[in-house]
């Protein structure tokens, strides 16, 4: 099963609030669908990253699992592992022109 996967998405602070993250995500979804016939796009996001989670949910992604200790040891003693949410977006594209002609 082919799918798109986001490894990392970062926008420099001075370029935030310009919809660059949303634009990049939509481009990945389109390429995943049109070039690879992907069934879905997935990504992992830190459970405490409320801004990113809000953006992804606004794009139609939803949490499908929590991965314990996904980010491995962090913190001063390297003992505090951080969890991640697995987010999933099902790629469904449709040609609105063809729908209006039916």
N, C-alpha and C. Protein backbone atom coordinates (compact mmCIF):
# COMPACT_ATOMS: atom_id res chain seq x y z
N UNK A 1 0.83 -1.18 0.00
CA UNK A 1 0.00 0.00 0.00
C UNK A 1 0.88 1.24 0.00
N UNK A 2 0.71 2.07 -1.01
CA UNK A 2 1.49 3.29 -1.12
C UNK A 2 0.87 4.36 -0.24
N UNK A 3 1.75 5.15 0.36
CA UNK A 3 1.28 6.28 1.16
C UNK A 3 2.35 7.36 1.21
N UNK A 4 1.91 8.56 1.52
CA UNK A 4 2.83 9.66 1.73
C UNK A 4 3.16 9.73 3.21
N UNK A 5 4.36 10.17 3.54
CA UNK A 5 4.75 10.28 4.94
C UNK A 5 5.51 11.58 5.15
N UNK A 6 5.13 12.31 6.18
CA UNK A 6 5.82 13.54 6.55
C UNK A 6 6.88 13.19 7.58
N UNK A 7 8.14 13.41 7.24
CA UNK A 7 9.23 13.17 8.18
C UNK A 7 9.42 14.38 9.07
N UNK A 8 9.38 15.56 8.49
CA UNK A 8 9.53 16.80 9.26
C UNK A 8 8.92 17.94 8.46
N UNK A 9 8.32 18.87 9.17
CA UNK A 9 7.80 20.09 8.57
C UNK A 9 8.09 21.22 9.53
N UNK A 10 8.94 22.14 9.10
CA UNK A 10 9.32 23.26 9.95
C UNK A 10 9.25 24.54 9.13
N UNK A 11 8.69 25.57 9.72
CA UNK A 11 8.64 26.89 9.09
C UNK A 11 9.36 27.86 10.03
N UNK A 12 10.29 28.61 9.49
CA UNK A 12 11.05 29.58 10.29
C UNK A 12 10.09 30.58 10.94
N UNK A 13 10.38 30.99 12.17
CA UNK A 13 9.47 31.88 12.90
C UNK A 13 9.04 33.12 12.13
N UNK A 14 9.96 33.73 11.38
CA UNK A 14 9.60 34.95 10.66
C UNK A 14 8.67 34.70 9.47
N UNK A 15 8.45 33.44 9.10
CA UNK A 15 7.56 33.11 7.99
C UNK A 15 6.29 32.38 8.43
N UNK A 16 6.06 32.30 9.73
CA UNK A 16 4.85 31.64 10.22
C UNK A 16 3.64 32.54 10.01
N UNK A 17 2.48 31.95 10.05
CA UNK A 17 1.19 32.65 9.86
C UNK A 17 1.01 33.13 8.42
N UNK A 18 1.71 32.49 7.48
CA UNK A 18 1.55 32.79 6.05
C UNK A 18 0.95 31.60 5.31
N UNK A 19 0.52 30.59 6.04
CA UNK A 19 -0.07 29.36 5.48
C UNK A 19 0.94 28.51 4.70
N UNK A 20 2.22 28.69 4.97
CA UNK A 20 3.23 27.88 4.27
C UNK A 20 3.14 26.41 4.66
N UNK A 21 2.94 26.12 5.94
CA UNK A 21 2.82 24.73 6.38
C UNK A 21 1.62 24.06 5.73
N UNK A 22 0.48 24.75 5.71
CA UNK A 22 -0.73 24.21 5.08
C UNK A 22 -0.49 23.96 3.59
N UNK A 23 0.17 24.92 2.93
CA UNK A 23 0.43 24.79 1.49
C UNK A 23 1.33 23.59 1.21
N UNK A 24 2.38 23.42 2.02
CA UNK A 24 3.29 22.29 1.83
C UNK A 24 2.56 20.95 2.05
N UNK A 25 1.70 20.91 3.06
CA UNK A 25 0.96 19.68 3.33
C UNK A 25 0.02 19.34 2.16
N UNK A 26 -0.69 20.33 1.65
CA UNK A 26 -1.60 20.09 0.52
C UNK A 26 -0.83 19.64 -0.72
N UNK A 27 0.36 20.20 -0.93
CA UNK A 27 1.20 19.77 -2.05
C UNK A 27 1.62 18.32 -1.88
N UNK A 28 2.04 17.94 -0.68
CA UNK A 28 2.41 16.55 -0.43
C UNK A 28 1.22 15.61 -0.68
N UNK A 29 0.04 16.01 -0.23
CA UNK A 29 -1.15 15.18 -0.43
C UNK A 29 -1.42 15.01 -1.93
N UNK A 30 -1.32 16.10 -2.67
CA UNK A 30 -1.60 16.05 -4.11
C UNK A 30 -0.58 15.17 -4.84
N UNK A 31 0.70 15.35 -4.53
CA UNK A 31 1.74 14.53 -5.16
C UNK A 31 1.56 13.06 -4.78
N UNK A 32 1.26 12.80 -3.51
CA UNK A 32 1.06 11.42 -3.06
C UNK A 32 -0.07 10.76 -3.85
N UNK A 33 -1.12 11.51 -4.09
CA UNK A 33 -2.26 10.97 -4.81
C UNK A 33 -1.98 10.85 -6.30
N UNK A 34 -1.57 11.93 -6.93
CA UNK A 34 -1.46 11.96 -8.39
C UNK A 34 -0.25 11.20 -8.92
N UNK A 35 0.87 11.27 -8.23
CA UNK A 35 2.08 10.60 -8.73
C UNK A 35 2.20 9.16 -8.25
N UNK A 36 1.67 8.86 -7.07
CA UNK A 36 1.89 7.54 -6.48
C UNK A 36 0.62 6.77 -6.17
N UNK A 37 -0.55 7.34 -6.47
CA UNK A 37 -1.83 6.69 -6.14
C UNK A 37 -1.88 6.28 -4.67
N UNK A 38 -1.41 7.16 -3.81
CA UNK A 38 -1.36 6.86 -2.37
C UNK A 38 -2.76 6.75 -1.80
N UNK A 39 -2.89 5.90 -0.81
CA UNK A 39 -4.16 5.74 -0.12
C UNK A 39 -4.29 6.70 1.05
N UNK A 40 -3.17 7.12 1.61
CA UNK A 40 -3.21 8.01 2.77
C UNK A 40 -1.88 8.71 2.95
N UNK A 41 -1.88 9.72 3.80
CA UNK A 41 -0.66 10.42 4.23
C UNK A 41 -0.62 10.29 5.75
N UNK A 42 0.55 9.98 6.29
CA UNK A 42 0.65 9.91 7.74
C UNK A 42 1.85 10.70 8.23
N UNK A 43 1.85 10.94 9.53
CA UNK A 43 2.92 11.69 10.17
C UNK A 43 2.85 11.43 11.66
N UNK A 44 3.90 11.83 12.35
CA UNK A 44 3.93 11.74 13.81
C UNK A 44 4.20 13.14 14.34
N UNK A 45 3.52 13.48 15.42
CA UNK A 45 3.66 14.80 16.02
C UNK A 45 3.73 14.64 17.53
N UNK A 46 4.58 15.43 18.16
CA UNK A 46 4.69 15.37 19.62
C UNK A 46 3.33 15.65 20.25
N UNK A 47 2.99 14.88 21.25
CA UNK A 47 1.68 15.02 21.90
C UNK A 47 1.47 16.40 22.51
N UNK A 48 2.56 17.09 22.85
CA UNK A 48 2.42 18.40 23.47
C UNK A 48 2.51 19.55 22.47
N UNK A 49 2.59 19.25 21.18
CA UNK A 49 2.70 20.29 20.16
C UNK A 49 1.30 20.69 19.69
N UNK A 50 0.63 21.50 20.51
CA UNK A 50 -0.76 21.88 20.26
C UNK A 50 -0.94 22.66 18.96
N UNK A 51 0.03 23.51 18.62
CA UNK A 51 -0.08 24.30 17.40
C UNK A 51 -0.09 23.39 16.17
N UNK A 52 0.86 22.45 16.11
CA UNK A 52 0.92 21.54 14.97
C UNK A 52 -0.31 20.63 14.92
N UNK A 53 -0.72 20.12 16.05
CA UNK A 53 -1.90 19.25 16.09
C UNK A 53 -3.12 20.01 15.58
N UNK A 54 -3.27 21.26 15.99
CA UNK A 54 -4.38 22.07 15.51
C UNK A 54 -4.35 22.27 14.01
N UNK A 55 -3.16 22.51 13.45
CA UNK A 55 -3.04 22.68 12.01
C UNK A 55 -3.42 21.40 11.28
N UNK A 56 -2.87 20.27 11.74
CA UNK A 56 -3.15 19.00 11.07
C UNK A 56 -4.63 18.63 11.15
N UNK A 57 -5.24 18.83 12.31
CA UNK A 57 -6.67 18.53 12.44
C UNK A 57 -7.49 19.46 11.56
N UNK A 58 -7.06 20.72 11.43
CA UNK A 58 -7.74 21.65 10.53
C UNK A 58 -7.65 21.24 9.07
N UNK A 59 -6.62 20.46 8.74
CA UNK A 59 -6.45 19.95 7.38
C UNK A 59 -7.19 18.62 7.17
N UNK A 60 -7.81 18.11 8.22
CA UNK A 60 -8.56 16.86 8.08
C UNK A 60 -7.87 15.63 8.63
N UNK A 61 -6.70 15.80 9.24
CA UNK A 61 -5.99 14.66 9.83
C UNK A 61 -6.63 14.32 11.17
N UNK A 62 -6.50 13.07 11.56
CA UNK A 62 -7.00 12.67 12.87
C UNK A 62 -6.01 11.70 13.51
N UNK A 63 -6.01 11.69 14.83
CA UNK A 63 -5.12 10.81 15.57
C UNK A 63 -5.64 9.38 15.43
N UNK A 64 -4.77 8.48 15.02
CA UNK A 64 -5.18 7.08 14.95
C UNK A 64 -4.45 6.21 15.94
N UNK A 65 -3.40 6.74 16.57
CA UNK A 65 -2.74 5.98 17.64
C UNK A 65 -1.77 6.89 18.38
N UNK A 66 -1.42 6.46 19.57
CA UNK A 66 -0.39 7.13 20.36
C UNK A 66 0.79 6.18 20.44
N UNK A 67 1.97 6.67 20.10
CA UNK A 67 3.18 5.86 20.13
C UNK A 67 4.01 6.27 21.33
N UNK A 68 4.09 5.38 22.30
CA UNK A 68 4.84 5.69 23.52
C UNK A 68 6.33 5.75 23.21
N UNK A 69 6.96 6.76 23.80
CA UNK A 69 8.41 6.94 23.73
C UNK A 69 8.93 7.02 22.29
N UNK A 70 8.12 7.57 21.39
CA UNK A 70 8.51 7.68 19.98
C UNK A 70 9.78 8.49 19.80
N UNK A 71 9.92 9.56 20.58
CA UNK A 71 11.06 10.45 20.41
C UNK A 71 12.27 10.06 21.24
N UNK A 72 12.20 8.96 21.95
CA UNK A 72 13.35 8.47 22.69
C UNK A 72 13.73 9.35 23.86
N UNK A 73 14.86 9.08 24.47
CA UNK A 73 15.28 9.82 25.66
C UNK A 73 15.53 11.30 25.37
N UNK A 74 14.89 12.16 26.17
CA UNK A 74 15.11 13.60 26.10
C UNK A 74 15.25 14.13 27.51
N UNK A 75 15.57 15.36 27.66
CA UNK A 75 15.67 15.95 28.98
C UNK A 75 17.06 15.84 29.55
N UNK A 76 17.28 16.47 30.71
CA UNK A 76 18.62 16.54 31.29
C UNK A 76 19.20 15.17 31.66
N UNK A 77 18.38 14.25 32.10
CA UNK A 77 18.89 12.92 32.47
C UNK A 77 18.70 11.90 31.37
N UNK A 78 18.19 12.35 30.22
CA UNK A 78 17.95 11.48 29.06
C UNK A 78 17.02 10.32 29.43
N UNK A 79 16.09 10.57 30.36
CA UNK A 79 15.18 9.51 30.80
C UNK A 79 13.73 9.80 30.43
N UNK A 80 13.42 11.04 30.08
CA UNK A 80 12.03 11.41 29.81
C UNK A 80 11.72 11.20 28.33
N UNK A 81 11.14 10.06 27.99
CA UNK A 81 10.78 9.80 26.62
C UNK A 81 9.48 10.53 26.30
N UNK A 82 9.39 11.09 25.10
CA UNK A 82 8.18 11.79 24.70
C UNK A 82 7.37 10.91 23.76
N UNK A 83 6.06 10.93 23.97
CA UNK A 83 5.14 10.19 23.11
C UNK A 83 4.82 11.01 21.87
N UNK A 84 4.30 10.33 20.86
CA UNK A 84 3.85 10.99 19.64
C UNK A 84 2.47 10.49 19.29
N UNK A 85 1.69 11.35 18.65
CA UNK A 85 0.43 10.92 18.06
C UNK A 85 0.71 10.57 16.61
N UNK A 86 0.19 9.45 16.17
CA UNK A 86 0.20 9.12 14.75
C UNK A 86 -1.03 9.76 14.15
N UNK A 87 -0.85 10.64 13.17
CA UNK A 87 -1.96 11.33 12.52
C UNK A 87 -2.13 10.74 11.12
N UNK A 88 -3.35 10.64 10.69
CA UNK A 88 -3.66 10.00 9.41
C UNK A 88 -4.62 10.86 8.62
N UNK A 89 -4.38 10.95 7.32
CA UNK A 89 -5.28 11.66 6.41
C UNK A 89 -5.53 10.73 5.23
N UNK A 90 -6.77 10.44 4.98
CA UNK A 90 -7.11 9.58 3.84
C UNK A 90 -7.18 10.47 2.61
N UNK A 91 -6.42 10.10 1.57
CA UNK A 91 -6.36 10.91 0.35
C UNK A 91 -7.55 10.57 -0.53
N UNK A 92 -8.44 11.53 -0.68
CA UNK A 92 -9.59 11.36 -1.56
C UNK A 92 -9.70 12.64 -2.38
N UNK A 93 -9.38 12.55 -3.64
CA UNK A 93 -9.47 13.71 -4.52
C UNK A 93 -10.64 13.51 -5.45
N UNK A 94 -11.31 14.59 -5.78
CA UNK A 94 -12.35 14.44 -6.76
C UNK A 94 -12.40 15.68 -7.63
N UNK A 95 -12.72 15.47 -8.87
CA UNK A 95 -12.80 16.53 -9.85
C UNK A 95 -14.17 17.18 -9.77
N UNK A 96 -14.23 18.38 -9.24
CA UNK A 96 -15.52 19.05 -9.04
C UNK A 96 -16.23 19.32 -10.36
N UNK A 97 -15.48 19.57 -11.42
CA UNK A 97 -16.10 19.81 -12.73
C UNK A 97 -16.88 18.59 -13.20
N UNK A 98 -16.28 17.43 -13.04
CA UNK A 98 -16.96 16.22 -13.50
C UNK A 98 -18.20 15.94 -12.65
N UNK A 99 -18.17 16.34 -11.38
CA UNK A 99 -19.34 16.13 -10.54
C UNK A 99 -20.48 17.05 -10.94
N UNK A 100 -20.16 18.27 -11.35
CA UNK A 100 -21.22 19.20 -11.71
C UNK A 100 -21.85 18.85 -13.05
N UNK A 101 -21.16 18.10 -13.87
CA UNK A 101 -21.68 17.71 -15.19
C UNK A 101 -22.52 16.45 -15.13
N UNK A 102 -22.56 15.77 -14.00
CA UNK A 102 -23.30 14.51 -13.89
C UNK A 102 -24.78 14.75 -13.83
